C-alpha atoms as a PDB file:
ATOM      1  CA  HIS A   1       0.000   0.000   0.000  1.00  0.00           C
ATOM      2  CA  HIS A   2       1.099   3.540  -0.605  1.00  0.00           C
ATOM      3  CA  GLN A   3      -0.235   7.014   0.045  1.00  0.00           C
ATOM      4  CA  THR A   4       0.096  10.115  -2.089  1.00  0.00           C
ATOM      5  CA  LEU A   5      -0.106  13.365  -0.167  1.00  0.00           C
ATOM      6  CA  PRO A   6      -0.128  16.569  -2.252  1.00  0.00           C
ATOM      7  CA  VAL A   7       2.039  19.293  -0.720  1.00  0.00           C
ATOM      8  CA  TYR A   8       1.826  21.902  -3.523  1.00  0.00           C
ATOM      9  CA  GLU A   9       5.472  22.886  -3.390  1.00  0.00           C
ATOM     10  CA  GLN A  10       8.895  21.636  -4.425  1.00  0.00           C
ATOM     11  CA  ILE A  11      10.371  19.794  -1.437  1.00  0.00           C
ATOM     12  CA  GLU A  12      14.065  20.559  -0.977  1.00  0.00           C
ATOM     13  CA  SER A  13      14.690  18.684   2.305  1.00  0.00           C
ATOM     14  CA  LEU A  14      13.014  15.853   4.197  1.00  0.00           C
ATOM     15  CA  LEU A  15      14.161  14.515   7.554  1.00  0.00           C
ATOM     16  CA  ARG A  16      12.851  12.403  10.393  1.00  0.00           C
ATOM     17  CA  HIS A  17      12.557  14.142  13.740  1.00  0.00           C
ATOM     18  CA  HIS A  18      13.356  12.077  16.854  1.00  0.00           C
ATOM     19  CA  PRO A  19      12.083  13.876  19.972  1.00  0.00           C
ATOM     20  CA  LYS A  20      14.064  12.899  23.066  1.00  0.00           C
ATOM     21  CA  SER A  21      10.963  12.742  25.250  1.00  0.00           C
ATOM     22  CA  GLY A  22       7.191  12.866  25.209  1.00  0.00           C
ATOM     23  CA  THR A  23       6.579  10.782  22.078  1.00  0.00           C
ATOM     24  CA  LYS A  24       5.702   7.101  21.746  1.00  0.00           C
ATOM     25  CA  ASP A  25       8.260   4.883  20.032  1.00  0.00           C
ATOM     26  CA  ASN A  26       5.836   3.955  17.249  1.00  0.00           C
ATOM     27  CA  VAL A  27       5.194   7.581  16.217  1.00  0.00           C
ATOM     28  CA  ILE A  28       7.176   8.718  13.178  1.00  0.00           C
ATOM     29  CA  ASN A  29       7.548  12.473  12.704  1.00  0.00           C
ATOM     30  CA  LEU A  30       8.734  13.901   9.395  1.00  0.00           C
ATOM     31  CA  LEU A  31       9.775  17.465   8.647  1.00  0.00           C
ATOM     32  CA  THR A  32       9.828  19.034   5.187  1.00  0.00           C
ATOM     33  CA  ALA A  33      11.126  22.344   3.830  1.00  0.00           C
ATOM     34  CA  GLY A  34      10.747  23.663   0.333  1.00  0.00           C
ATOM     35  CA  SER A  35       9.935  26.323  -2.193  1.00  0.00           C
ATOM     36  CA  ARG A  36       7.066  27.897  -0.240  1.00  0.00           C
ATOM     37  CA  GLY A  37       9.456  28.935   2.537  1.00  0.00           C
ATOM     38  CA  THR A  38       7.799  27.028   5.351  1.00  0.00           C
ATOM     39  CA  ILE A  39       8.739  24.031   7.474  1.00  0.00           C
ATOM     40  CA  THR A  40       5.970  21.481   7.928  1.00  0.00           C
ATOM     41  CA  LEU A  41       5.635  18.628  10.429  1.00  0.00           C
ATOM     42  CA  TYR A  42       3.907  15.397   9.371  1.00  0.00           C
ATOM     43  CA  SER A  43       3.219  12.341  11.502  1.00  0.00           C
ATOM     44  CA  THR A  44       2.338   8.680  11.098  1.00  0.00           C
ATOM     45  CA  THR A  45       2.127   5.711  13.464  1.00  0.00           C
ATOM     46  CA  ALA A  46       3.710   2.303  12.907  1.00  0.00           C
ATOM     47  CA  GLY A  47       1.960  -0.880  14.027  1.00  0.00           C
ATOM     48  CA  ASN A  48       1.482  -4.463  12.791  1.00  0.00           C
ATOM     49  CA  ASN A  49       3.877  -3.795   9.909  1.00  0.00           C
ATOM     50  CA  LEU A  50       1.597  -1.006   8.672  1.00  0.00           C
ATOM     51  CA  LEU A  51       1.711   2.784   8.806  1.00  0.00           C
ATOM     52  CA  THR A  52      -1.315   4.930   9.479  1.00  0.00           C
ATOM     53  CA  PRO A  53      -2.074   7.635   6.883  1.00  0.00           C
ATOM     54  CA  LEU A  54       0.413  10.485   6.974  1.00  0.00           C
ATOM     55  CA  LYS A  55      -1.120  13.611   8.478  1.00  0.00           C
ATOM     56  CA  LYS A  56      -0.026  17.231   8.579  1.00  0.00           C
ATOM     57  CA  VAL A  57       0.464  18.177  12.236  1.00  0.00           C
ATOM     58  CA  MET A  58       1.863  21.700  12.098  1.00  0.00           C
ATOM     59  CA  THR A  59       3.070  24.375   9.721  1.00  0.00           C
ATOM     60  CA  GLN A  60       5.693  26.920  10.654  1.00  0.00           C
ATOM     61  CA  PRO A  61       4.019  30.071  12.075  1.00  0.00           C
ATOM     62  CA  LYS A  62       3.826  32.866   9.505  1.00  0.00           C
ATOM     63  CA  PRO A  63       6.111  35.311  11.358  1.00  0.00           C
ATOM     64  CA  PHE A  64       8.947  32.776  11.054  1.00  0.00           C
ATOM     65  CA  GLN A  65       8.391  31.648   7.472  1.00  0.00           C
ATOM     66  CA  PHE A  66      10.704  32.682   4.656  1.00  0.00           C
ATOM     67  CA  SER A  67       8.180  34.460   2.436  1.00  0.00           C
ATOM     68  CA  HIS A  68      10.534  35.432  -0.405  1.00  0.00           C
ATOM     69  CA  GLU A  69      10.964  33.676  -3.741  1.00  0.00           C
ATOM     70  CA  GLY A  70      13.000  30.491  -3.585  1.00  0.00           C
ATOM     71  CA  GLY A  71      11.935  29.311  -0.134  1.00  0.00           C
ATOM     72  CA  TYR A  72      14.138  26.972   1.875  1.00  0.00           C
ATOM     73  CA  ARG A  73      17.063  25.150   0.293  1.00  0.00           C
ATOM     74  CA  HIS A  74      18.280  22.906   3.115  1.00  0.00           C
ATOM     75  CA  LEU A  75      17.141  21.504   6.471  1.00  0.00           C
ATOM     76  CA  GLN A  76      19.062  19.385   8.979  1.00  0.00           C
ATOM     77  CA  PRO A  77      19.408  18.831  12.760  1.00  0.00           C
ATOM     78  CA  PHE A  78      21.806  21.153  14.552  1.00  0.00           C
ATOM     79  CA  GLU A  79      23.286  20.259  17.932  1.00  0.00           C
ATOM     80  CA  THR A  80      25.007  22.947  19.945  1.00  0.00           C
ATOM     81  CA  ASN A  81      27.110  22.902  23.097  1.00  0.00           C
ATOM     82  CA  ASN A  82      25.684  26.243  24.123  1.00  0.00           C
ATOM     83  CA  ASP A  83      23.815  26.345  27.417  1.00  0.00           C
ATOM     84  CA  ASP A  84      21.959  29.497  26.396  1.00  0.00           C
ATOM     85  CA  ASP A  85      18.198  28.978  26.700  1.00  0.00           C
ATOM     86  CA  ASP A  86      17.735  30.322  23.185  1.00  0.00           C
ATOM     87  CA  GLU A  87      19.788  27.396  21.846  1.00  0.00           C
ATOM     88  CA  THR A  88      17.722  24.602  23.418  1.00  0.00           C
ATOM     89  CA  THR A  89      14.238  23.101  23.013  1.00  0.00           C
ATOM     90  CA  ASP A  90      11.669  22.023  25.559  1.00  0.00           C
ATOM     91  CA  ASP A  91      12.447  18.315  25.095  1.00  0.00           C
ATOM     92  CA  SER A  92      16.238  18.828  24.677  1.00  0.00           C
ATOM     93  CA  SER A  93      15.985  17.855  21.009  1.00  0.00           C
ATOM     94  CA  PRO A  94      18.489  19.333  18.555  1.00  0.00           C
ATOM     95  CA  LEU A  95      17.423  22.528  16.889  1.00  0.00           C
ATOM     96  CA  LEU A  96      16.842  22.535  13.147  1.00  0.00           C
ATOM     97  CA  LEU A  97      19.178  24.391  10.843  1.00  0.00           C
ATOM     98  CA  ALA A  98      17.382  25.824   7.808  1.00  0.00           C
ATOM     99  CA  VAL A  99      19.079  27.605   4.901  1.00  0.00           C
ATOM    100  CA  ASP A 100      16.897  29.808   2.690  1.00  0.00           C
ATOM    101  CA  ALA A 101      17.275  31.132  -0.846  1.00  0.00           C
ATOM    102  CA  HIS A 102      18.899  34.336   0.439  1.00  0.00           C
ATOM    103  CA  ASN A 103      21.521  32.268   2.277  1.00  0.00           C
ATOM    104  CA  ASN A 104      20.214  33.193   5.706  1.00  0.00           C
ATOM    105  CA  ILE A 105      20.610  30.484   8.346  1.00  0.00           C
ATOM    106  CA  SER A 106      17.732  29.963  10.782  1.00  0.00           C
ATOM    107  CA  LEU A 107      17.873  27.866  13.941  1.00  0.00           C
ATOM    108  CA  VAL A 108      14.365  26.519  14.436  1.00  0.00           C
ATOM    109  CA  CYS A 109      12.683  24.726  17.340  1.00  0.00           C
ATOM    110  CA  PRO A 110      11.513  21.316  15.995  1.00  0.00           C
ATOM    111  CA  THR A 111       8.443  21.200  18.270  1.00  0.00           C
ATOM    112  CA  SER A 112       6.987  24.701  17.786  1.00  0.00           C
ATOM    113  CA  LEU A 113       8.754  25.429  14.439  1.00  0.00           C
ATOM    114  CA  GLU A 114       9.508  28.914  15.760  1.00  0.00           C
ATOM    115  CA  ARG A 115      12.802  30.496  14.805  1.00  0.00           C
ATOM    116  CA  LYS A 116      15.191  30.787  17.756  1.00  0.00           C
ATOM    117  CA  ARG A 117      17.999  32.553  15.941  1.00  0.00           C
ATOM    118  CA  LEU A 118      18.670  34.105  12.540  1.00  0.00           C
ATOM    119  CA  ILE A 119      22.098  34.515  10.952  1.00  0.00           C
ATOM    120  CA  LEU A 120      21.821  36.924   8.027  1.00  0.00           C
ATOM    121  CA  GLY A 121      23.438  35.712   4.835  1.00  0.00           C
ATOM    122  CA  HIS A 122      26.371  38.042   4.430  1.00  0.00           C
ATOM    123  CA  PHE A 123      28.257  35.236   2.679  1.00  0.00           C
ATOM    124  CA  ALA A 124      27.971  33.962  -0.876  1.00  0.00           C
ATOM    125  CA  GLU A 125      25.556  31.275  -2.036  1.00  0.00           C
ATOM    126  CA  ILE A 126      25.796  28.143   0.114  1.00  0.00           C
ATOM    127  CA  VAL A 127      26.810  25.140  -1.991  1.00  0.00           C
ATOM    128  CA  ASP A 128      27.299  22.457   0.685  1.00  0.00           C
ATOM    129  CA  LEU A 129      27.395  22.166   4.457  1.00  0.00           C
ATOM    130  CA  ARG A 130      28.311  19.638   7.132  1.00  0.00           C
ATOM    131  CA  ARG A 131      27.668  19.540  10.882  1.00  0.00           C
ATOM    132  CA  LEU A 132      30.205  18.039  13.282  1.00  0.00           C
ATOM    133  CA  SER A 133      29.324  16.135  16.455  1.00  0.00           C
ATOM    134  CA  ASN A 134      30.902  18.891  18.594  1.00  0.00           C
ATOM    135  CA  GLY A 135      28.418  21.444  17.252  1.00  0.00           C
ATOM    136  CA  GLN A 136      30.680  23.015  14.644  1.00  0.00           C
ATOM    137  CA  LEU A 137      29.256  23.799  11.225  1.00  0.00           C
ATOM    138  CA  VAL A 138      31.225  23.814   7.956  1.00  0.00           C
ATOM    139  CA  LEU A 139      29.958  25.793   4.967  1.00  0.00           C
ATOM    140  CA  ALA A 140      31.101  25.735   1.357  1.00  0.00           C
ATOM    141  CA  THR A 141      29.972  28.768  -0.615  1.00  0.00           C
ATOM    142  CA  THR A 142      30.621  30.171  -4.067  1.00  0.00           C
ATOM    143  CA  ASP A 143      33.680  31.853  -2.549  1.00  0.00           C
ATOM    144  CA  PRO A 144      36.995  29.941  -2.407  1.00  0.00           C
ATOM    145  CA  GLU A 145      36.976  30.159   1.405  1.00  0.00           C
ATOM    146  CA  ILE A 146      35.385  27.471   3.558  1.00  0.00           C
ATOM    147  CA  LEU A 147      33.643  28.803   6.665  1.00  0.00           C
ATOM    148  CA  LEU A 148      34.061  26.844   9.908  1.00  0.00           C
ATOM    149  CA  PHE A 149      31.533  27.971  12.509  1.00  0.00           C
ATOM    150  CA  SER A 150      32.120  27.337  16.207  1.00  0.00           C
ATOM    151  CA  PRO A 151      29.199  25.991  18.319  1.00  0.00           C
ATOM    152  CA  SER A 152      28.413  29.621  19.165  1.00  0.00           C
ATOM    153  CA  LEU A 153      28.361  30.274  15.387  1.00  0.00           C
ATOM    154  CA  HIS A 154      31.426  32.480  15.090  1.00  0.00           C
ATOM    155  CA  PRO A 155      33.010  31.854  11.655  1.00  0.00           C
ATOM    156  CA  THR A 156      36.660  31.044  10.926  1.00  0.00           C
ATOM    157  CA  PRO A 157      37.713  30.944   7.250  1.00  0.00           C
ATOM    158  CA  LEU A 158      39.720  28.023   5.878  1.00  0.00           C
ATOM    159  CA  ARG A 159      41.797  29.421   3.019  1.00  0.00           C
ATOM    160  CA  GLY A 160      43.565  27.436   0.327  1.00  0.00           C
ATOM    161  CA  HIS A 161      41.286  26.819  -2.647  1.00  0.00           C
ATOM    162  CA  GLY A 162      41.605  29.113  -5.641  1.00  0.00           C
ATOM    163  CA  ASP A 163      38.003  28.865  -6.837  1.00  0.00           C
ATOM    164  CA  THR A 164      34.491  27.895  -5.719  1.00  0.00           C
ATOM    165  CA  VAL A 165      34.329  24.956  -3.307  1.00  0.00           C
ATOM    166  CA  LEU A 166      31.777  22.475  -4.663  1.00  0.00           C
ATOM    167  CA  ALA A 167      31.549  19.697  -2.065  1.00  0.00           C
ATOM    168  CA  LEU A 168      32.585  18.696   1.445  1.00  0.00           C
ATOM    169  CA  ASP A 169      32.820  15.521   3.498  1.00  0.00           C
ATOM    170  CA  VAL A 170      33.782  14.821   7.112  1.00  0.00           C
ATOM    171  CA  SER A 171      35.573  11.700   8.353  1.00  0.00           C
ATOM    172  CA  PRO A 172      33.719   9.332  10.722  1.00  0.00           C
ATOM    173  CA  CYS A 173      36.127  10.315  13.503  1.00  0.00           C
ATOM    174  CA  GLN A 174      35.044  13.945  12.938  1.00  0.00           C
ATOM    175  CA  ARG A 175      38.658  15.118  12.786  1.00  0.00           C
ATOM    176  CA  TYR A 176      39.218  15.497   9.049  1.00  0.00           C
ATOM    177  CA  LEU A 177      37.426  17.571   6.424  1.00  0.00           C
ATOM    178  CA  ALA A 178      37.790  16.944   2.698  1.00  0.00           C
ATOM    179  CA  SER A 179      36.941  19.677   0.190  1.00  0.00           C
ATOM    180  CA  VAL A 180      36.909  19.814  -3.615  1.00  0.00           C
ATOM    181  CA  SER A 181      36.723  22.790  -5.911  1.00  0.00           C
ATOM    182  CA  LYS A 182      36.543  24.232  -9.374  1.00  0.00           C
ATOM    183  CA  ASP A 183      40.312  24.745  -8.993  1.00  0.00           C
ATOM    184  CA  ARG A 184      40.668  20.972  -9.741  1.00  0.00           C
ATOM    185  CA  THR A 185      42.182  20.145  -6.332  1.00  0.00           C
ATOM    186  CA  VAL A 186      41.065  18.085  -3.361  1.00  0.00           C
ATOM    187  CA  ARG A 187      42.217  19.290   0.041  1.00  0.00           C
ATOM    188  CA  LEU A 188      42.309  17.600   3.437  1.00  0.00           C
ATOM    189  CA  TRP A 189      41.980  19.656   6.601  1.00  0.00           C
ATOM    190  CA  ASP A 190      42.730  18.723  10.214  1.00  0.00           C
ATOM    191  CA  LEU A 191      39.903  20.225  12.297  1.00  0.00           C
ATOM    192  CA  ARG A 192      41.606  19.388  15.599  1.00  0.00           C
ATOM    193  CA  ASP A 193      43.593  22.596  15.544  1.00  0.00           C
ATOM    194  CA  ASP A 194      44.872  24.325  18.681  1.00  0.00           C
ATOM    195  CA  ASP A 195      43.349  27.620  17.534  1.00  0.00           C
ATOM    196  CA  GLY A 196      39.886  26.097  17.126  1.00  0.00           C
ATOM    197  CA  GLY A 197      40.011  26.343  13.331  1.00  0.00           C
ATOM    198  CA  GLY A 198      41.300  23.975  10.688  1.00  0.00           C
ATOM    199  CA  ARG A 199      44.760  23.275   9.242  1.00  0.00           C
ATOM    200  CA  LEU A 200      45.555  22.142   5.711  1.00  0.00           C
ATOM    201  CA  VAL A 201      47.433  18.818   5.770  1.00  0.00           C
ATOM    202  CA  GLY A 202      47.145  17.603   2.183  1.00  0.00           C
ATOM    203  CA  VAL A 203      46.478  18.698  -1.399  1.00  0.00           C
ATOM    204  CA  GLY A 204      45.641  16.326  -4.247  1.00  0.00           C
ATOM    205  CA  ARG A 205      46.141  17.302  -7.885  1.00  0.00           C
ATOM    206  CA  GLY A 206      45.443  15.212 -10.957  1.00  0.00           C
ATOM    207  CA  HIS A 207      41.975  16.023 -12.267  1.00  0.00           C
ATOM    208  CA  THR A 208      41.806  18.121 -15.444  1.00  0.00           C
ATOM    209  CA  GLU A 209      38.365  19.650 -14.754  1.00  0.00           C
ATOM    210  CA  ALA A 210      36.387  20.866 -11.754  1.00  0.00           C
ATOM    211  CA  ILE A 211      35.815  18.292  -8.992  1.00  0.00           C
ATOM    212  CA  GLY A 212      32.165  18.095  -7.978  1.00  0.00           C
ATOM    213  CA  ALA A 213      31.982  15.307  -5.390  1.00  0.00           C
ATOM    214  CA  VAL A 214      34.105  13.839  -2.589  1.00  0.00           C
ATOM    215  CA  ALA A 215      33.675  11.006  -0.099  1.00  0.00           C
ATOM    216  CA  LEU A 216      35.962   9.967   2.772  1.00  0.00           C
ATOM    217  CA  SER A 217      36.257   6.295   3.719  1.00  0.00           C
ATOM    218  CA  ARG A 218      33.825   5.339   6.493  1.00  0.00           C
ATOM    219  CA  LYS A 219      35.945   2.882   8.508  1.00  0.00           C
ATOM    220  CA  ARG A 220      36.822   4.860  11.607  1.00  0.00           C
ATOM    221  CA  SER A 221      39.796   2.695  12.583  1.00  0.00           C
ATOM    222  CA  GLY A 222      41.460   3.448   9.235  1.00  0.00           C
ATOM    223  CA  TYR A 223      42.265   6.977  10.381  1.00  0.00           C
ATOM    224  CA  GLY A 224      44.611   5.616  13.010  1.00  0.00           C
ATOM    225  CA  GLY A 225      46.858   4.039  10.375  1.00  0.00           C
ATOM    226  CA  LYS A 226      47.333   3.985   6.614  1.00  0.00           C
ATOM    227  CA  GLN A 227      44.007   2.503   5.503  1.00  0.00           C
ATOM    228  CA  ALA A 228      42.019   5.751   5.176  1.00  0.00           C
ATOM    229  CA  PHE A 229      41.308   7.084   1.691  1.00  0.00           C
ATOM    230  CA  LEU A 230      38.970   9.374  -0.182  1.00  0.00           C
ATOM    231  CA  VAL A 231      37.304   9.261  -3.603  1.00  0.00           C
ATOM    232  CA  THR A 232      36.678  12.216  -5.909  1.00  0.00           C
ATOM    233  CA  ALA A 233      34.465  12.586  -8.985  1.00  0.00           C
ATOM    234  CA  SER A 234      35.213  15.224 -11.600  1.00  0.00           C
ATOM    235  CA  LYS A 235      33.746  16.909 -14.636  1.00  0.00           C
ATOM    236  CA  ASP A 236      36.622  15.236 -16.524  1.00  0.00           C
ATOM    237  CA  ARG A 237      34.549  12.014 -16.263  1.00  0.00           C
ATOM    238  CA  THR A 238      36.939  10.213 -13.952  1.00  0.00           C
ATOM    239  CA  LEU A 239      36.875   8.890 -10.403  1.00  0.00           C
ATOM    240  CA  LYS A 240      40.081   9.014  -8.401  1.00  0.00           C
ATOM    241  CA  LYS A 241      40.975   7.219  -5.177  1.00  0.00           C
ATOM    242  CA  TRP A 242      43.467   9.005  -2.934  1.00  0.00           C
ATOM    243  CA  SER A 243      45.479   7.395  -0.136  1.00  0.00           C
ATOM    244  CA  LEU A 244      45.617   9.587   2.984  1.00  0.00           C
ATOM    245  CA  GLY A 245      48.545   7.903   4.753  1.00  0.00           C
ATOM    246  CA  SER A 246      51.042  10.762   4.404  1.00  0.00           C
ATOM    247  CA  CYS A 247      48.397  13.358   5.232  1.00  0.00           C
ATOM    248  CA  LEU A 248      47.407  11.600   8.456  1.00  0.00           C
ATOM    249  CA  LYS A 249      51.066  11.320   9.393  1.00  0.00           C
ATOM    250  CA  GLU A 250      51.394  15.056   8.781  1.00  0.00           C
ATOM    251  CA  ALA A 251      48.376  15.742  10.997  1.00  0.00           C
ATOM    252  CA  SER A 252      49.931  13.714  13.803  1.00  0.00           C
ATOM    253  CA  SER A 253      53.445  15.140  13.523  1.00  0.00           C
ATOM    254  CA  ARG A 254      52.328  18.719  12.718  1.00  0.00           C
ATOM    255  CA  THR A 255      55.276  19.292  10.394  1.00  0.00           C
ATOM    256  CA  THR A 256      55.157  20.433   6.763  1.00  0.00           C
ATOM    257  CA  ASN A 257      52.346  19.725   4.293  1.00  0.00           C
ATOM    258  CA  HIS A 258      52.432  16.602   2.136  1.00  0.00           C
ATOM    259  CA  ASP A 259      50.634  16.100  -1.141  1.00  0.00           C
ATOM    260  CA  ALA A 260      48.024  13.332  -1.139  1.00  0.00           C
ATOM    261  CA  ASP A 261      48.882  10.224  -3.149  1.00  0.00           C
ATOM    262  CA  ASP A 262      46.694   9.484  -6.171  1.00  0.00           C
ATOM    263  CA  ASN A 263      46.074   5.738  -6.560  1.00  0.00           C
END
């Protein structure tokens, strides 16, 4: 059996919300964000291998909607280490991070859908973003700089690319960030920096066109030795696998940069 539920907008993000308290285990809550500039909560109940019809529970209150053309572009959970009351929810659930078409970032309560905080988009168009388990946020924009936000959302630029950064990935140990760019390079950053920013530990060159996708290996133990690697995909119609052994050694020894090895 299936259900079709008209929503009358282009959905840009869909995620499952897991409240930390006050909800039965068999209740499934879904949040959507899209071209109408509103976040909507839907709910269904699981039982006897069946789901009840999906129902709309709540729509974001009008004062907090993004009413301009383009709506929301991205929605994801956002954990912070901030004890400020404005950064928490009633059930201690993570806030939602919503990015709109004007590149503003909103932190939204997942239960009331009210905006708790707004960061005006003084940066270029957001191309990709990743959230770290310690509450940091990494943004790739149409600028060559990567923006690393602290849990209190103060940005630190990571400089090195010569053109637009197109994609990011974070290692399973949360220590390393990989970035790829129109400048045809892949770069590896050590986020465990004494200054709270990130440090470049490796640069890979070999693609002849812009690199549009990157993925770090997912075996956590590999980052303690020489087994870790990453894969890039480029407009030049090739995939490349890069060994990270020398880069990880550089991150541990904190000496000079090494180029990544293309396998």
